[in-house]
Amino acid sequence: MSKRATLSGLLIGAVVIATASTAVPASTTKQTNPQFQPCQTSDLGGTWRLMTFDERPYPGEDTDEYKVVPYQYMFFTDNGSYMFVKSNVEYRKEKNVSALLRLASGEFGLRYSLDKKGMLTVASAKETFGKYSCQVSAMEAGGYKKGDIILTEQVKAPQPGEVIRIYRRMVFSETKQ
């Protein structure tokens, strides 16, 4: 199997991780807590790593997917490009994450848009892949660091609920893998 085929197999998908120790806002679709503000485009630039995941009111197929590929990264550019990769290997070096993200960029050509209310849409030229309420943590509290972003997706099947993903901006150290 080619290196490109192996890396391509790691690209795009649902984002999932279960962490009981981090408190997730009861509903990130409504502004109920001054700690969380709607995302602005300036909040998104850079590389992000999935920190926590929660499916409410039940764990579903996304939780099962996370068990297979628990390391998930995304990248936003200032010009609207969006890249996402998932892997069963943890990456800490910028060159490794960047290589994976470049493959995702060339293969899928995803773009993002963000409205004034913090609704994030990820799409290709042909279809929309996801719509999320996007909030940024304005302070360090409750397991969040200032700048963490919280993406909430409303799901309808198999039962109504929401999938909440919390990402933290990556700070690279080339001395670690």
Protein backbone atom coordinates (compact mmCIF):
# COMPACT_ATOMS: atom_id res chain seq x y z
CA MET A 1 0.00 0.00 0.00
CA SER A 2 1.41 3.39 -0.96
CA LYS A 3 2.23 6.04 1.65
CA ARG A 4 -0.35 8.37 0.02
CA ALA A 5 -3.06 5.69 0.16
CA THR A 6 -2.28 5.00 3.81
CA LEU A 7 -2.41 8.70 4.72
CA SER A 8 -5.51 9.23 2.60
CA GLY A 9 -7.24 6.53 4.61
CA LEU A 10 -6.77 8.68 7.69
CA LEU A 11 -8.48 11.75 6.24
CA ILE A 12 -11.94 13.27 6.90
CA GLY A 13 -14.52 11.94 9.29
CA ALA A 14 -16.43 12.37 12.47
CA VAL A 15 -14.57 13.76 15.43
CA VAL A 16 -14.88 11.99 18.72
CA ILE A 17 -13.32 11.61 22.16
CA ALA A 18 -14.87 11.00 25.55
CA THR A 19 -13.48 12.85 28.55
CA ALA A 20 -15.45 12.97 31.76
CA SER A 21 -13.12 15.39 33.53
CA THR A 22 -13.77 18.41 31.32
CA ALA A 23 -17.06 20.21 31.82
CA VAL A 24 -18.84 20.96 28.55
CA PRO A 25 -21.36 23.81 28.40
CA ALA A 26 -24.91 22.46 28.76
CA SER A 27 -25.77 23.83 25.35
CA THR A 28 -23.25 25.68 23.27
CA THR A 29 -25.92 26.71 20.79
CA LYS A 30 -27.19 29.44 23.16
CA GLN A 31 -25.11 32.16 24.75
CA THR A 32 -25.65 31.39 28.45
CA ASN A 33 -22.18 31.80 29.92
CA PRO A 34 -19.86 34.81 29.58
CA GLN A 35 -16.93 32.36 29.37
CA PHE A 36 -18.04 31.42 25.84
CA GLN A 37 -18.25 33.92 22.98
CA PRO A 38 -19.20 33.33 19.31
CA CYS A 39 -16.11 32.56 17.23
CA GLN A 40 -14.67 35.24 14.98
CA THR A 41 -12.56 34.40 11.93
CA SER A 42 -9.52 35.79 13.79
CA ASP A 43 -10.00 33.10 16.48
CA LEU A 44 -9.66 30.20 14.04
CA GLY A 45 -6.33 30.57 12.21
CA GLY A 46 -3.81 27.80 12.82
CA THR A 47 -3.62 24.12 13.70
CA TRP A 48 -5.96 22.60 16.28
CA ARG A 49 -6.08 19.27 18.09
CA LEU A 50 -9.22 17.61 19.40
CA MET A 51 -9.15 17.61 23.20
CA THR A 52 -12.59 16.33 24.23
CA PHE A 53 -15.74 14.98 22.70
CA ASP A 54 -19.25 14.51 24.04
CA GLU A 55 -22.39 13.09 22.42
CA ARG A 56 -25.66 14.02 24.08
CA PRO A 57 -27.95 12.52 25.20
CA TYR A 58 -26.33 9.19 24.22
CA PRO A 59 -23.02 7.88 22.87
CA GLY A 60 -23.45 6.95 19.21
CA GLU A 61 -21.43 5.86 16.21
CA ASP A 62 -19.04 8.81 16.52
CA THR A 63 -17.86 7.41 19.85
CA ASP A 64 -17.13 4.05 18.19
CA GLU A 65 -15.16 5.82 15.44
CA TYR A 66 -13.03 7.64 18.02
CA LYS A 67 -11.90 4.33 19.50
CA VAL A 68 -10.29 3.49 16.13
CA VAL A 69 -8.86 6.94 15.25
CA PRO A 70 -8.56 9.03 18.41
CA TYR A 71 -6.12 11.71 17.19
CA GLN A 72 -7.79 14.42 15.17
CA TYR A 73 -6.44 17.70 13.84
CA MET A 74 -7.81 20.62 11.86
CA PHE A 75 -6.32 23.70 10.24
CA PHE A 76 -7.93 27.01 9.28
CA THR A 77 -6.27 29.54 6.99
CA ASP A 78 -7.04 33.25 6.81
CA ASN A 79 -8.30 32.82 3.23
CA GLY A 80 -11.04 30.30 4.10
CA SER A 81 -9.31 26.97 3.51
CA TYR A 82 -10.05 24.19 5.97
CA MET A 83 -8.20 20.92 6.42
CA PHE A 84 -9.01 18.01 8.70
CA VAL A 85 -7.22 14.75 9.44
CA LYS A 86 -7.73 11.91 11.84
CA SER A 87 -5.22 9.26 12.75
CA ASN A 88 -4.56 6.30 15.01
CA VAL A 89 -1.10 7.84 15.60
CA GLU A 90 -0.46 10.95 17.70
CA TYR A 91 1.57 13.66 15.96
CA ARG A 92 3.39 16.45 17.80
CA LYS A 93 5.88 17.66 15.20
CA GLU A 94 4.69 20.43 12.96
CA LYS A 95 6.20 18.85 9.83
CA ASN A 96 4.22 15.61 10.39
CA VAL A 97 0.89 17.33 11.04
CA SER A 98 1.51 19.73 8.13
CA ALA A 99 2.23 16.83 5.74
CA LEU A 100 -1.05 15.16 6.64
CA LEU A 101 -2.98 18.42 6.36
CA ARG A 102 -1.48 19.16 2.93
CA LEU A 103 -2.76 15.78 1.71
CA ALA A 104 -6.22 16.62 3.03
CA SER A 105 -6.12 20.01 1.34
CA GLY A 106 -5.23 18.65 -2.07
CA GLU A 107 -7.60 15.72 -1.91
CA PHE A 108 -10.76 17.34 -0.61
CA GLY A 109 -10.46 21.12 -1.18
CA LEU A 110 -12.60 22.09 1.80
CA ARG A 111 -13.51 25.67 2.64
CA TYR A 112 -15.09 27.23 5.70
CA SER A 113 -17.30 30.20 6.35
CA LEU A 114 -18.29 31.76 9.65
CA ASP A 115 -21.23 34.08 10.18
CA LYS A 116 -21.53 36.84 12.82
CA LYS A 117 -23.43 34.54 15.19
CA GLY A 118 -20.59 32.00 15.18
CA MET A 119 -22.16 29.43 12.82
CA LEU A 120 -19.31 27.60 11.08
CA THR A 121 -19.99 25.85 7.77
CA VAL A 122 -17.49 23.42 6.21
CA ALA A 123 -18.04 22.59 2.54
CA SER A 124 -16.47 21.56 -0.73
CA ALA A 125 -17.46 23.05 -4.07
CA LYS A 126 -20.14 20.34 -4.35
CA GLU A 127 -21.55 19.74 -0.88
CA THR A 128 -21.74 20.89 2.74
CA PHE A 129 -19.96 18.57 5.17
CA GLY A 130 -21.00 20.16 8.43
CA LYS A 131 -22.57 23.10 10.24
CA TYR A 132 -21.48 23.87 13.77
CA SER A 133 -22.12 26.42 16.45
CA CYS A 134 -18.60 27.74 17.11
CA GLN A 135 -17.67 29.33 20.43
CA VAL A 136 -14.35 30.37 21.90
CA SER A 137 -13.46 30.21 25.58
CA ALA A 138 -12.79 33.79 26.71
CA MET A 139 -11.05 32.68 29.92
CA GLU A 140 -9.34 29.76 31.60
CA ALA A 141 -11.94 27.96 33.74
CA GLY A 142 -13.74 24.65 34.05
CA GLY A 143 -11.06 22.66 32.23
CA TYR A 144 -10.91 25.11 29.31
CA LYS A 145 -7.94 27.24 28.37
CA LYS A 146 -8.45 30.72 27.00
CA GLY A 147 -8.82 30.39 23.23
CA ASP A 148 -10.17 26.81 23.14
CA ILE A 149 -12.89 26.44 20.55
CA ILE A 150 -16.08 24.48 21.06
CA LEU A 151 -17.90 23.12 18.00
CA THR A 152 -21.45 21.88 18.53
CA GLU A 153 -23.28 19.96 15.84
CA GLN A 154 -27.02 19.29 16.08
CA VAL A 155 -27.82 15.72 14.99
CA LYS A 156 -31.21 14.25 14.11
CA ALA A 157 -30.53 10.55 13.60
CA PRO A 158 -30.66 7.99 14.97
CA GLN A 159 -31.99 10.18 17.84
CA PRO A 160 -31.99 13.97 18.28
CA GLY A 161 -29.00 15.29 20.18
CA GLU A 162 -25.76 17.18 19.84
CA VAL A 163 -22.13 16.32 19.25
CA ILE A 164 -19.74 18.65 21.08
CA ARG A 165 -16.06 18.83 20.13
CA ILE A 166 -13.48 20.89 21.99
CA TYR A 167 -10.24 21.84 20.23
CA ARG A 168 -7.06 23.46 21.49
CA ARG A 169 -4.55 25.34 19.33
CA MET A 170 -1.37 23.32 18.87
CA VAL A 171 1.98 24.68 20.00
CA PHE A 172 4.68 22.68 18.29
CA SER A 173 7.87 21.43 19.90
CA GLU A 174 10.22 19.78 17.43
CA THR A 175 11.98 17.87 20.23
CA LYS A 176 9.00 15.52 20.71
CA GLN A 177 7.25 13.20 18.20
